[in-house]
């Protein structure tokens, strides 16, 4: 039985705890840590009881903890990941991996020195739609891929308007409102999802990036609330990321894959395939699974069998490199070669 410690008991950890509960025959949350006692108590109660620590460094000394699930704010990811690796604990870490590539190098060095397994919690790789279309792309169903569009858009409610309150997690003075704590704005937060999805589906290294970052509804943020990113891949295909806290998804689909033989479109609950020459598309309705439960079950399997996770440290670094390159492209007003980031 794998003993797990949850580090950081804020909102996102609730979904993670639910995922651990779904695998309770193989793993159990035995400890939680948070500087906010009420949050730690809430998460401990959710998992049916766990030892509570105010300091995650004390949790890392607990001999009953084999692996940790890091659900902290962005700016403390690096320190927690390095400390966990140095303590010999396997790591599942929420997005983003950390704030920048210098921090990523520190995590990489600690992981390599300790020999532990680190998996990035890129849960949308485990959606039914992504799992359905990835092998179809790789098998050449739509031919040579020319363009992939990956989007994640919604309106953060209630957003700023006269007479309207600000959503608490995005309010002025919170860590998400501050660029130095976030590492940027929306792109390095929710925008991480369409970014790693794009890289996973493309199956080719990204080589250049350019971006347009704007703020439409959340002026209390230091950073953007909307991001548009253009990517060129080594294999000649291109990609586009659209991510926003200021607008709803402009179509029913989060993913479009355009090849020389046809198009695949995918939403959370369906995929649509229209090959060249078809009069009407083929539509398949899909289940909408608990992606936290799926990613955690995969993490446990990797630890049990000594396998590499589908989204490991290298994938987290590649995603972070693309996002940092997007920010650099805006600052320098040019297309950025990712091997220079």
C-alpha atoms as a PDB file:
ATOM      1  CA  UNK A   1       0.000   0.000   0.000  1.00  0.00           C
ATOM      2  CA  UNK A   2       1.441   3.334  -1.111  1.00  0.00           C
ATOM      3  CA  UNK A   3       1.470   5.978   1.617  1.00  0.00           C
ATOM      4  CA  UNK A   4       0.762   9.466   0.254  1.00  0.00           C
ATOM      5  CA  UNK A   5       1.162  12.969   1.634  1.00  0.00           C
ATOM      6  CA  UNK A   6      -0.759  15.889   0.133  1.00  0.00           C
ATOM      7  CA  UNK A   7       1.244  19.116   0.316  1.00  0.00           C
ATOM      8  CA  UNK A   8      -1.052  22.114  -0.046  1.00  0.00           C
ATOM      9  CA  UNK A   9      -4.723  21.718   0.848  1.00  0.00           C
ATOM     10  CA  UNK A  10      -6.333  24.478  -1.208  1.00  0.00           C
ATOM     11  CA  UNK A  11      -9.075  24.115  -3.796  1.00  0.00           C
ATOM     12  CA  UNK A  12      -7.237  22.002  -6.385  1.00  0.00           C
ATOM     13  CA  UNK A  13      -6.277  19.436  -3.749  1.00  0.00           C
ATOM     14  CA  UNK A  14      -9.935  18.492  -3.339  1.00  0.00           C
ATOM     15  CA  UNK A  15      -9.967  16.904  -6.800  1.00  0.00           C
ATOM     16  CA  UNK A  16      -6.645  15.192  -6.090  1.00  0.00           C
ATOM     17  CA  UNK A  17      -7.970  13.796  -2.808  1.00  0.00           C
ATOM     18  CA  UNK A  18     -10.998  12.452  -4.670  1.00  0.00           C
ATOM     19  CA  UNK A  19      -8.610  10.719  -7.061  1.00  0.00           C
ATOM     20  CA  UNK A  20      -6.647   9.105  -4.238  1.00  0.00           C
ATOM     21  CA  UNK A  21      -9.876   7.897  -2.644  1.00  0.00           C
ATOM     22  CA  UNK A  22     -10.798   6.210  -5.960  1.00  0.00           C
ATOM     23  CA  UNK A  23      -7.574   4.159  -5.701  1.00  0.00           C
ATOM     24  CA  UNK A  24      -7.860   3.400  -1.988  1.00  0.00           C
ATOM     25  CA  UNK A  25      -7.109  -0.297  -2.491  1.00  0.00           C
ATOM     26  CA  UNK A  26      -3.646   0.609  -3.802  1.00  0.00           C
ATOM     27  CA  UNK A  27      -2.795   3.871  -2.043  1.00  0.00           C
ATOM     28  CA  UNK A  28      -3.858   5.876   0.980  1.00  0.00           C
ATOM     29  CA  UNK A  29      -3.406   9.496   1.974  1.00  0.00           C
ATOM     30  CA  UNK A  30      -1.728   9.214   5.360  1.00  0.00           C
ATOM     31  CA  UNK A  31      -0.668  12.842   5.828  1.00  0.00           C
ATOM     32  CA  UNK A  32      -1.549  16.357   4.697  1.00  0.00           C
ATOM     33  CA  UNK A  33       0.284  19.662   5.121  1.00  0.00           C
ATOM     34  CA  UNK A  34      -0.889  23.262   4.925  1.00  0.00           C
ATOM     35  CA  UNK A  35      -0.106  26.482   6.753  1.00  0.00           C
ATOM     36  CA  UNK A  36      -3.865  27.063   6.998  1.00  0.00           C
ATOM     37  CA  UNK A  37      -5.075  24.646   9.653  1.00  0.00           C
ATOM     38  CA  UNK A  38      -8.704  24.698   8.520  1.00  0.00           C
ATOM     39  CA  UNK A  39      -7.710  23.711   4.976  1.00  0.00           C
ATOM     40  CA  UNK A  40      -5.571  20.845   6.272  1.00  0.00           C
ATOM     41  CA  UNK A  41      -8.394  19.646   8.514  1.00  0.00           C
ATOM     42  CA  UNK A  42     -10.838  19.757   5.620  1.00  0.00           C
ATOM     43  CA  UNK A  43      -8.599  17.664   3.395  1.00  0.00           C
ATOM     44  CA  UNK A  44      -7.776  15.190   6.177  1.00  0.00           C
ATOM     45  CA  UNK A  45     -11.492  14.721   6.801  1.00  0.00           C
ATOM     46  CA  UNK A  46     -12.147  14.226   3.081  1.00  0.00           C
ATOM     47  CA  UNK A  47      -9.712  11.292   2.878  1.00  0.00           C
ATOM     48  CA  UNK A  48     -11.103   9.657   6.000  1.00  0.00           C
ATOM     49  CA  UNK A  49      -8.446  10.847   8.398  1.00  0.00           C
ATOM     50  CA  UNK A  50      -4.775  11.716   7.985  1.00  0.00           C
ATOM     51  CA  UNK A  51      -1.974  13.164  10.089  1.00  0.00           C
ATOM     52  CA  UNK A  52      -1.860  16.934   9.812  1.00  0.00           C
ATOM     53  CA  UNK A  53       1.323  18.972   9.494  1.00  0.00           C
ATOM     54  CA  UNK A  54       1.680  22.758   9.398  1.00  0.00           C
ATOM     55  CA  UNK A  55       5.119  22.431   7.754  1.00  0.00           C
ATOM     56  CA  UNK A  56       5.564  20.188   4.732  1.00  0.00           C
ATOM     57  CA  UNK A  57       9.199  19.626   5.682  1.00  0.00           C
ATOM     58  CA  UNK A  58       7.948  17.734   8.733  1.00  0.00           C
ATOM     59  CA  UNK A  59       5.625  15.688   6.508  1.00  0.00           C
ATOM     60  CA  UNK A  60       8.623  14.757   4.352  1.00  0.00           C
ATOM     61  CA  UNK A  61      10.260  13.152   7.391  1.00  0.00           C
ATOM     62  CA  UNK A  62       7.234  10.898   7.983  1.00  0.00           C
ATOM     63  CA  UNK A  63       8.354   7.296   7.306  1.00  0.00           C
ATOM     64  CA  UNK A  64       4.795   6.338   6.329  1.00  0.00           C
ATOM     65  CA  UNK A  65       4.878   8.733   3.345  1.00  0.00           C
ATOM     66  CA  UNK A  66       6.230   7.139   0.160  1.00  0.00           C
ATOM     67  CA  UNK A  67       5.019   9.767  -2.314  1.00  0.00           C
ATOM     68  CA  UNK A  68       3.757  13.322  -2.207  1.00  0.00           C
ATOM     69  CA  UNK A  69       1.117  15.168  -4.194  1.00  0.00           C
ATOM     70  CA  UNK A  70       2.164  18.832  -4.460  1.00  0.00           C
ATOM     71  CA  UNK A  71      -0.838  21.176  -4.778  1.00  0.00           C
ATOM     72  CA  UNK A  72       0.761  24.446  -3.687  1.00  0.00           C
ATOM     73  CA  UNK A  73       0.700  27.930  -5.282  1.00  0.00           C
ATOM     74  CA  UNK A  74       3.099  28.276  -8.212  1.00  0.00           C
ATOM     75  CA  UNK A  75       5.889  30.159  -6.473  1.00  0.00           C
ATOM     76  CA  UNK A  76       6.536  27.426  -3.903  1.00  0.00           C
ATOM     77  CA  UNK A  77       6.487  24.445  -6.276  1.00  0.00           C
ATOM     78  CA  UNK A  78      10.241  24.396  -6.769  1.00  0.00           C
ATOM     79  CA  UNK A  79      11.216  24.407  -3.107  1.00  0.00           C
ATOM     80  CA  UNK A  80       8.683  21.698  -2.252  1.00  0.00           C
ATOM     81  CA  UNK A  81       9.682  19.498  -5.202  1.00  0.00           C
ATOM     82  CA  UNK A  82      13.404  19.760  -4.438  1.00  0.00           C
ATOM     83  CA  UNK A  83      12.805  19.028  -0.746  1.00  0.00           C
ATOM     84  CA  UNK A  84      10.607  16.026  -1.584  1.00  0.00           C
ATOM     85  CA  UNK A  85      13.158  14.597  -4.015  1.00  0.00           C
ATOM     86  CA  UNK A  86      15.949  15.085  -1.483  1.00  0.00           C
ATOM     87  CA  UNK A  87      13.813  13.212   1.055  1.00  0.00           C
ATOM     88  CA  UNK A  88      13.429  10.308  -1.386  1.00  0.00           C
ATOM     89  CA  UNK A  89       9.686  10.773  -1.929  1.00  0.00           C
ATOM     90  CA  UNK A  90       8.091  10.173  -5.326  1.00  0.00           C
ATOM     91  CA  UNK A  91       6.290  13.253  -6.648  1.00  0.00           C
ATOM     92  CA  UNK A  92       3.020  14.083  -8.388  1.00  0.00           C
ATOM     93  CA  UNK A  93       3.065  17.841  -8.962  1.00  0.00           C
ATOM     94  CA  UNK A  94       0.307  20.202 -10.046  1.00  0.00           C
ATOM     95  CA  UNK A  95       0.843  22.538 -12.976  1.00  0.00           C
ATOM     96  CA  UNK A  96       2.904  24.528 -13.601  1.00  0.00           C
ATOM     97  CA  UNK A  97       6.055  22.577 -12.782  1.00  0.00           C
ATOM     98  CA  UNK A  98       7.570  25.817 -11.405  1.00  0.00           C
ATOM     99  CA  UNK A  99       8.015  29.466 -12.368  1.00  0.00           C
ATOM    100  CA  UNK A 100      10.952  29.346 -14.801  1.00  0.00           C
ATOM    101  CA  UNK A 101      13.603  27.159 -16.383  1.00  0.00           C
ATOM    102  CA  UNK A 102      16.249  27.928 -13.760  1.00  0.00           C
ATOM    103  CA  UNK A 103      13.916  26.508 -11.131  1.00  0.00           C
ATOM    104  CA  UNK A 104      13.208  23.559 -13.429  1.00  0.00           C
ATOM    105  CA  UNK A 105      16.933  22.790 -13.571  1.00  0.00           C
ATOM    106  CA  UNK A 106      17.050  22.637  -9.776  1.00  0.00           C
ATOM    107  CA  UNK A 107      14.132  20.198  -9.730  1.00  0.00           C
ATOM    108  CA  UNK A 108      15.719  18.122 -12.485  1.00  0.00           C
ATOM    109  CA  UNK A 109      19.032  17.888 -10.618  1.00  0.00           C
ATOM    110  CA  UNK A 110      17.302  16.815  -7.390  1.00  0.00           C
ATOM    111  CA  UNK A 111      15.173  14.194  -9.158  1.00  0.00           C
ATOM    112  CA  UNK A 112      18.150  12.734 -11.016  1.00  0.00           C
ATOM    113  CA  UNK A 113      20.273  12.613  -7.857  1.00  0.00           C
ATOM    114  CA  UNK A 114      17.573  10.870  -5.829  1.00  0.00           C
ATOM    115  CA  UNK A 115      16.267   8.482  -8.497  1.00  0.00           C
ATOM    116  CA  UNK A 116      12.655   9.137  -7.564  1.00  0.00           C
ATOM    117  CA  UNK A 117       9.789   9.305 -10.074  1.00  0.00           C
ATOM    118  CA  UNK A 118       8.213  12.691 -10.808  1.00  0.00           C
ATOM    119  CA  UNK A 119       4.953  12.906 -12.718  1.00  0.00           C
ATOM    120  CA  UNK A 120       3.378  16.184 -13.834  1.00  0.00           C
ATOM    121  CA  UNK A 121      -0.340  16.360 -13.047  1.00  0.00           C
ATOM    122  CA  UNK A 122      -1.377  17.087 -16.629  1.00  0.00           C
ATOM    123  CA  UNK A 123      -4.818  15.640 -16.034  1.00  0.00           C
ATOM    124  CA  UNK A 124      -6.375  16.635 -19.369  1.00  0.00           C
ATOM    125  CA  UNK A 125      -4.144  14.118 -21.145  1.00  0.00           C
ATOM    126  CA  UNK A 126      -6.446  11.574 -19.481  1.00  0.00           C
ATOM    127  CA  UNK A 127      -9.688  12.938 -20.957  1.00  0.00           C
ATOM    128  CA  UNK A 128     -11.590  10.488 -23.125  1.00  0.00           C
ATOM    129  CA  UNK A 129     -11.282  12.814 -26.114  1.00  0.00           C
ATOM    130  CA  UNK A 130      -7.484  13.109 -25.967  1.00  0.00           C
ATOM    131  CA  UNK A 131      -7.106   9.374 -25.383  1.00  0.00           C
ATOM    132  CA  UNK A 132      -9.352   8.712 -28.395  1.00  0.00           C
ATOM    133  CA  UNK A 133      -7.696  11.056 -30.879  1.00  0.00           C
ATOM    134  CA  UNK A 134      -4.009  10.622 -30.002  1.00  0.00           C
ATOM    135  CA  UNK A 135      -3.692   7.103 -31.529  1.00  0.00           C
ATOM    136  CA  UNK A 136      -5.766   8.175 -34.549  1.00  0.00           C
ATOM    137  CA  UNK A 137      -3.365  11.026 -35.221  1.00  0.00           C
ATOM    138  CA  UNK A 138      -0.347   8.757 -34.746  1.00  0.00           C
ATOM    139  CA  UNK A 139      -1.862   6.120 -37.054  1.00  0.00           C
ATOM    140  CA  UNK A 140      -2.268   8.707 -39.821  1.00  0.00           C
ATOM    141  CA  UNK A 141      -6.071   8.837 -39.948  1.00  0.00           C
ATOM    142  CA  UNK A 142      -6.064  12.481 -41.092  1.00  0.00           C
ATOM    143  CA  UNK A 143      -2.743  12.154 -42.917  1.00  0.00           C
ATOM    144  CA  UNK A 144       0.101  14.580 -42.416  1.00  0.00           C
ATOM    145  CA  UNK A 145      -0.935  17.020 -39.716  1.00  0.00           C
ATOM    146  CA  UNK A 146      -0.739  20.653 -40.753  1.00  0.00           C
ATOM    147  CA  UNK A 147      -2.373  22.447 -37.824  1.00  0.00           C
ATOM    148  CA  UNK A 148      -3.552  21.692 -34.279  1.00  0.00           C
ATOM    149  CA  UNK A 149      -5.720  24.091 -32.296  1.00  0.00           C
ATOM    150  CA  UNK A 150      -5.937  23.641 -28.517  1.00  0.00           C
ATOM    151  CA  UNK A 151      -8.240  25.862 -26.442  1.00  0.00           C
ATOM    152  CA  UNK A 152      -9.422  26.278 -22.857  1.00  0.00           C
ATOM    153  CA  UNK A 153     -11.699  29.275 -22.353  1.00  0.00           C
ATOM    154  CA  UNK A 154     -14.236  30.301 -19.749  1.00  0.00           C
ATOM    155  CA  UNK A 155     -15.404  33.447 -18.005  1.00  0.00           C
ATOM    156  CA  UNK A 156     -14.179  33.730 -14.439  1.00  0.00           C
ATOM    157  CA  UNK A 157     -17.284  34.681 -12.509  1.00  0.00           C
ATOM    158  CA  UNK A 158     -18.069  37.024 -11.014  1.00  0.00           C
ATOM    159  CA  UNK A 159     -15.655  39.150 -13.014  1.00  0.00           C
ATOM    160  CA  UNK A 160     -14.931  42.823 -12.517  1.00  0.00           C
ATOM    161  CA  UNK A 161     -17.807  45.144 -13.381  1.00  0.00           C
ATOM    162  CA  UNK A 162     -19.304  48.158 -11.652  1.00  0.00           C
ATOM    163  CA  UNK A 163     -21.313  46.872  -8.719  1.00  0.00           C
ATOM    164  CA  UNK A 164     -19.988  43.337  -9.039  1.00  0.00           C
ATOM    165  CA  UNK A 165     -17.580  41.516  -6.733  1.00  0.00           C
ATOM    166  CA  UNK A 166     -14.317  40.028  -7.967  1.00  0.00           C
ATOM    167  CA  UNK A 167     -13.855  36.274  -7.977  1.00  0.00           C
ATOM    168  CA  UNK A 168     -11.997  35.605  -4.719  1.00  0.00           C
ATOM    169  CA  UNK A 169      -9.135  33.565  -6.209  1.00  0.00           C
ATOM    170  CA  UNK A 170      -8.393  36.355  -8.715  1.00  0.00           C
ATOM    171  CA  UNK A 171      -8.899  39.331  -6.402  1.00  0.00           C
ATOM    172  CA  UNK A 172      -6.301  42.064  -5.996  1.00  0.00           C
ATOM    173  CA  UNK A 173      -3.790  41.070  -3.335  1.00  0.00           C
ATOM    174  CA  UNK A 174      -4.173  37.310  -3.807  1.00  0.00           C
ATOM    175  CA  UNK A 175      -1.204  35.334  -5.109  1.00  0.00           C
ATOM    176  CA  UNK A 176      -2.859  34.828  -8.506  1.00  0.00           C
ATOM    177  CA  UNK A 177      -3.008  38.591  -9.015  1.00  0.00           C
ATOM    178  CA  UNK A 178       0.771  38.983  -8.647  1.00  0.00           C
ATOM    179  CA  UNK A 179       3.045  38.242 -11.591  1.00  0.00           C
ATOM    180  CA  UNK A 180       6.033  37.321  -9.417  1.00  0.00           C
ATOM    181  CA  UNK A 181       4.029  34.650  -7.579  1.00  0.00           C
ATOM    182  CA  UNK A 182       2.112  33.346 -10.605  1.00  0.00           C
ATOM    183  CA  UNK A 183       5.040  33.403 -13.021  1.00  0.00           C
ATOM    184  CA  UNK A 184       2.842  35.397 -15.416  1.00  0.00           C
ATOM    185  CA  UNK A 185      -0.911  35.493 -15.872  1.00  0.00           C
ATOM    186  CA  UNK A 186      -3.570  33.189 -17.269  1.00  0.00           C
ATOM    187  CA  UNK A 187      -1.208  31.431 -19.709  1.00  0.00           C
ATOM    188  CA  UNK A 188       0.948  29.835 -17.012  1.00  0.00           C
ATOM    189  CA  UNK A 189      -2.166  28.875 -15.041  1.00  0.00           C
ATOM    190  CA  UNK A 190      -5.181  27.579 -16.973  1.00  0.00           C
ATOM    191  CA  UNK A 191      -3.234  28.043 -20.210  1.00  0.00           C
ATOM    192  CA  UNK A 192      -0.937  25.234 -19.124  1.00  0.00           C
ATOM    193  CA  UNK A 193      -3.692  22.733 -20.023  1.00  0.00           C
ATOM    194  CA  UNK A 194      -4.063  23.555 -23.738  1.00  0.00           C
ATOM    195  CA  UNK A 195      -0.266  23.900 -23.954  1.00  0.00           C
ATOM    196  CA  UNK A 196       0.624  20.415 -22.742  1.00  0.00           C
ATOM    197  CA  UNK A 197      -2.315  18.989 -24.714  1.00  0.00           C
ATOM    198  CA  UNK A 198      -0.931  20.582 -27.872  1.00  0.00           C
ATOM    199  CA  UNK A 199       2.567  19.198 -27.260  1.00  0.00           C
ATOM    200  CA  UNK A 200       1.210  15.728 -26.460  1.00  0.00           C
ATOM    201  CA  UNK A 201      -0.918  15.544 -29.603  1.00  0.00           C
ATOM    202  CA  UNK A 202       1.718  17.055 -31.902  1.00  0.00           C
ATOM    203  CA  UNK A 203       4.282  14.389 -31.003  1.00  0.00           C
ATOM    204  CA  UNK A 204       7.074  16.641 -32.269  1.00  0.00           C
ATOM    205  CA  UNK A 205       9.317  19.154 -30.475  1.00  0.00           C
ATOM    206  CA  UNK A 206       8.210  22.780 -30.647  1.00  0.00           C
ATOM    207  CA  UNK A 207      10.862  24.966 -32.277  1.00  0.00           C
ATOM    208  CA  UNK A 208       9.464  28.519 -32.368  1.00  0.00           C
ATOM    209  CA  UNK A 209       6.738  30.456 -30.577  1.00  0.00           C
ATOM    210  CA  UNK A 210       5.042  33.846 -30.751  1.00  0.00           C
ATOM    211  CA  UNK A 211       2.206  35.174 -28.632  1.00  0.00           C
ATOM    212  CA  UNK A 212      -0.381  37.880 -28.064  1.00  0.00           C
ATOM    213  CA  UNK A 213      -1.363  38.450 -24.434  1.00  0.00           C
ATOM    214  CA  UNK A 214      -4.297  40.685 -23.483  1.00  0.00           C
ATOM    215  CA  UNK A 215      -6.397  41.604 -20.469  1.00  0.00           C
ATOM    216  CA  UNK A 216     -10.112  42.174 -21.077  1.00  0.00           C
ATOM    217  CA  UNK A 217     -11.980  41.621 -17.809  1.00  0.00           C
ATOM    218  CA  UNK A 218      -9.511  41.243 -14.913  1.00  0.00           C
ATOM    219  CA  UNK A 219      -7.525  44.482 -14.574  1.00  0.00           C
ATOM    220  CA  UNK A 220      -6.565  43.606 -10.989  1.00  0.00           C
ATOM    221  CA  UNK A 221      -4.165  40.985 -12.385  1.00  0.00           C
ATOM    222  CA  UNK A 222      -0.548  41.934 -13.060  1.00  0.00           C
ATOM    223  CA  UNK A 223      -0.667  39.587 -16.033  1.00  0.00           C
ATOM    224  CA  UNK A 224      -2.968  38.628 -18.892  1.00  0.00           C
ATOM    225  CA  UNK A 225      -6.430  37.081 -18.694  1.00  0.00           C
ATOM    226  CA  UNK A 226      -6.294  35.873 -22.322  1.00  0.00           C
ATOM    227  CA  UNK A 227      -3.507  34.302 -24.391  1.00  0.00           C
ATOM    228  CA  UNK A 228      -3.130  33.468 -28.071  1.00  0.00           C
ATOM    229  CA  UNK A 229       0.003  31.506 -28.922  1.00  0.00           C
ATOM    230  CA  UNK A 230       1.371  30.325 -32.280  1.00  0.00           C
ATOM    231  CA  UNK A 231       3.786  27.381 -32.389  1.00  0.00           C
ATOM    232  CA  UNK A 232       5.917  25.784 -35.120  1.00  0.00           C
ATOM    233  CA  UNK A 233       7.015  22.167 -34.720  1.00  0.00           C
ATOM    234  CA  UNK A 234      10.110  20.340 -35.887  1.00  0.00           C
ATOM    235  CA  UNK A 235       8.073  18.089 -38.207  1.00  0.00           C
ATOM    236  CA  UNK A 236       6.676  21.083 -40.135  1.00  0.00           C
ATOM    237  CA  UNK A 237       3.238  21.203 -38.510  1.00  0.00           C
ATOM    238  CA  UNK A 238       1.933  24.255 -36.675  1.00  0.00           C
ATOM    239  CA  UNK A 239      -0.217  24.838 -33.623  1.00  0.00           C
ATOM    240  CA  UNK A 240      -2.344  27.466 -31.962  1.00  0.00           C
ATOM    241  CA  UNK A 241      -3.269  27.866 -28.293  1.00  0.00           C
ATOM    242  CA  UNK A 242      -6.244  29.962 -27.190  1.00  0.00           C
ATOM    243  CA  UNK A 243      -6.775  30.253 -23.446  1.00  0.00           C
ATOM    244  CA  UNK A 244      -8.849  32.731 -21.498  1.00  0.00           C
ATOM    245  CA  UNK A 245     -10.536  33.670 -18.232  1.00  0.00           C
ATOM    246  CA  UNK A 246     -12.429  36.406 -20.118  1.00  0.00           C
ATOM    247  CA  UNK A 247     -14.443  34.534 -22.748  1.00  0.00           C
ATOM    248  CA  UNK A 248     -16.246  31.274 -23.184  1.00  0.00           C
ATOM    249  CA  UNK A 249     -15.035  28.675 -25.668  1.00  0.00           C
ATOM    250  CA  UNK A 250     -15.866  30.123 -29.104  1.00  0.00           C
ATOM    251  CA  UNK A 251     -16.950  26.703 -30.416  1.00  0.00           C
ATOM    252  CA  UNK A 252     -18.093  23.450 -28.883  1.00  0.00           C
ATOM    253  CA  UNK A 253     -14.674  21.909 -29.409  1.00  0.00           C
ATOM    254  CA  UNK A 254     -11.447  22.315 -27.459  1.00  0.00           C
ATOM    255  CA  UNK A 255      -9.248  20.582 -30.022  1.00  0.00           C
ATOM    256  CA  UNK A 256      -9.049  20.683 -33.828  1.00  0.00           C
ATOM    257  CA  UNK A 257      -6.528  18.599 -35.754  1.00  0.00           C
ATOM    258  CA  UNK A 258      -6.266  19.402 -39.470  1.00  0.00           C
ATOM    259  CA  UNK A 259      -4.400  17.029 -41.771  1.00  0.00           C
ATOM    260  CA  UNK A 260      -4.161  16.641 -45.514  1.00  0.00           C
ATOM    261  CA  UNK A 261      -6.740  13.807 -45.367  1.00  0.00           C
ATOM    262  CA  UNK A 262      -9.289  15.348 -43.029  1.00  0.00           C
ATOM    263  CA  UNK A 263     -10.131  16.948 -39.704  1.00  0.00           C
ATOM    264  CA  UNK A 264     -10.686  15.711 -36.149  1.00  0.00           C
ATOM    265  CA  UNK A 265     -12.544  17.960 -33.715  1.00  0.00           C
ATOM    266  CA  UNK A 266     -12.867  17.061 -30.043  1.00  0.00           C
ATOM    267  CA  UNK A 267     -14.741  18.409 -27.049  1.00  0.00           C
ATOM    268  CA  UNK A 268     -14.963  17.037 -23.551  1.00  0.00           C
ATOM    269  CA  UNK A 269     -17.837  14.718 -24.473  1.00  0.00           C
ATOM    270  CA  UNK A 270     -17.514  13.961 -28.181  1.00  0.00           C
ATOM    271  CA  UNK A 271     -15.231  13.685 -31.158  1.00  0.00           C
ATOM    272  CA  UNK A 272     -16.119  14.485 -34.753  1.00  0.00           C
ATOM    273  CA  UNK A 273     -14.152  13.112 -37.701  1.00  0.00           C
ATOM    274  CA  UNK A 274     -14.610  14.379 -41.250  1.00  0.00           C
ATOM    275  CA  UNK A 275     -12.258  12.879 -43.800  1.00  0.00           C
ATOM    276  CA  UNK A 276     -11.897  14.292 -47.298  1.00  0.00           C
ATOM    277  CA  UNK A 277     -14.775  13.091 -49.471  1.00  0.00           C
ATOM    278  CA  UNK A 278     -17.169  12.343 -46.593  1.00  0.00           C
ATOM    279  CA  UNK A 279     -20.617  13.894 -46.996  1.00  0.00           C
ATOM    280  CA  UNK A 280     -21.098  14.209 -43.242  1.00  0.00           C
ATOM    281  CA  UNK A 281     -18.830  13.736 -40.245  1.00  0.00           C
ATOM    282  CA  UNK A 282     -18.606  10.675 -38.042  1.00  0.00           C
ATOM    283  CA  UNK A 283     -19.566  11.609 -34.489  1.00  0.00           C
ATOM    284  CA  UNK A 284     -18.798   9.621 -31.343  1.00  0.00           C
ATOM    285  CA  UNK A 285     -20.198  10.566 -27.946  1.00  0.00           C
ATOM    286  CA  UNK A 286     -17.749  10.072 -25.100  1.00  0.00           C
ATOM    287  CA  UNK A 287     -17.763   9.582 -21.355  1.00  0.00           C
ATOM    288  CA  UNK A 288     -16.507  12.443 -19.216  1.00  0.00           C
ATOM    289  CA  UNK A 289     -14.279  10.684 -16.657  1.00  0.00           C
ATOM    290  CA  UNK A 290     -12.726  11.951 -13.444  1.00  0.00           C
ATOM    291  CA  UNK A 291      -9.341  12.857 -14.908  1.00  0.00           C
ATOM    292  CA  UNK A 292      -7.804  13.291 -11.447  1.00  0.00           C
ATOM    293  CA  UNK A 293      -8.681   9.686 -10.638  1.00  0.00           C
ATOM    294  CA  UNK A 294      -7.238   8.520 -13.963  1.00  0.00           C
ATOM    295  CA  UNK A 295      -3.949  10.390 -13.594  1.00  0.00           C
ATOM    296  CA  UNK A 296      -3.493   9.205 -10.009  1.00  0.00           C
ATOM    297  CA  UNK A 297      -4.209   5.575 -10.972  1.00  0.00           C
ATOM    298  CA  UNK A 298      -1.572   5.933 -13.719  1.00  0.00           C
ATOM    299  CA  UNK A 299       0.937   7.412 -11.246  1.00  0.00           C
ATOM    300  CA  UNK A 300       0.395   4.485  -8.859  1.00  0.00           C
ATOM    301  CA  UNK A 301       0.866   1.985 -11.702  1.00  0.00           C
ATOM    302  CA  UNK A 302       4.124   3.661 -12.701  1.00  0.00           C
ATOM    303  CA  UNK A 303       5.443   3.365  -9.157  1.00  0.00           C
ATOM    304  CA  UNK A 304       4.288  -0.239  -8.824  1.00  0.00           C
ATOM    305  CA  UNK A 305       5.860  -1.326 -12.124  1.00  0.00           C
ATOM    306  CA  UNK A 306       8.839   1.000 -12.343  1.00  0.00           C
ATOM    307  CA  UNK A 307       7.460   2.596 -15.511  1.00  0.00           C
ATOM    308  CA  UNK A 308       7.921   6.149 -16.771  1.00  0.00           C
ATOM    309  CA  UNK A 309       4.760   8.283 -16.517  1.00  0.00           C
ATOM    310  CA  UNK A 310       3.056   9.473 -19.685  1.00  0.00           C
ATOM    311  CA  UNK A 311       3.711  13.060 -18.553  1.00  0.00           C
ATOM    312  CA  UNK A 312       6.999  13.114 -16.720  1.00  0.00           C
ATOM    313  CA  UNK A 313       9.548  15.752 -15.815  1.00  0.00           C
ATOM    314  CA  UNK A 314      10.677  16.242 -19.433  1.00  0.00           C
ATOM    315  CA  UNK A 315       7.079  16.989 -20.466  1.00  0.00           C
ATOM    316  CA  UNK A 316       6.699  19.518 -17.664  1.00  0.00           C
ATOM    317  CA  UNK A 317       9.906  21.242 -18.716  1.00  0.00           C
ATOM    318  CA  UNK A 318       8.856  21.276 -22.399  1.00  0.00           C
ATOM    319  CA  UNK A 319       5.514  22.855 -21.478  1.00  0.00           C
ATOM    320  CA  UNK A 320       7.191  25.431 -19.258  1.00  0.00           C
ATOM    321  CA  UNK A 321       9.766  26.222 -21.963  1.00  0.00           C
ATOM    322  CA  UNK A 322       7.015  26.921 -24.503  1.00  0.00           C
ATOM    323  CA  UNK A 323       5.156  29.193 -22.085  1.00  0.00           C
ATOM    324  CA  UNK A 324       8.285  31.073 -21.036  1.00  0.00           C
ATOM    325  CA  UNK A 325       9.102  31.454 -24.740  1.00  0.00           C
ATOM    326  CA  UNK A 326       5.637  32.918 -25.311  1.00  0.00           C
ATOM    327  CA  UNK A 327       6.212  35.492 -22.578  1.00  0.00           C
ATOM    328  CA  UNK A 328       9.629  36.281 -24.043  1.00  0.00           C
ATOM    329  CA  UNK A 329       8.129  36.771 -27.507  1.00  0.00           C
ATOM    330  CA  UNK A 330       5.723  39.375 -26.129  1.00  0.00           C
ATOM    331  CA  UNK A 331       8.442  41.191 -24.186  1.00  0.00           C
ATOM    332  CA  UNK A 332      10.763  41.282 -27.215  1.00  0.00           C
ATOM    333  CA  UNK A 333       8.014  41.590 -29.876  1.00  0.00           C
ATOM    334  CA  UNK A 334       9.441  38.824 -32.028  1.00  0.00           C
ATOM    335  CA  UNK A 335       9.195  35.122 -32.824  1.00  0.00           C
ATOM    336  CA  UNK A 336      11.337  33.195 -30.330  1.00  0.00           C
ATOM    337  CA  UNK A 337      13.409  30.088 -31.097  1.00  0.00           C
ATOM    338  CA  UNK A 338      12.796  27.734 -28.171  1.00  0.00           C
ATOM    339  CA  UNK A 339      16.349  26.433 -28.112  1.00  0.00           C
ATOM    340  CA  UNK A 340      17.353  29.949 -26.995  1.00  0.00           C
ATOM    341  CA  UNK A 341      14.884  30.138 -24.099  1.00  0.00           C
END
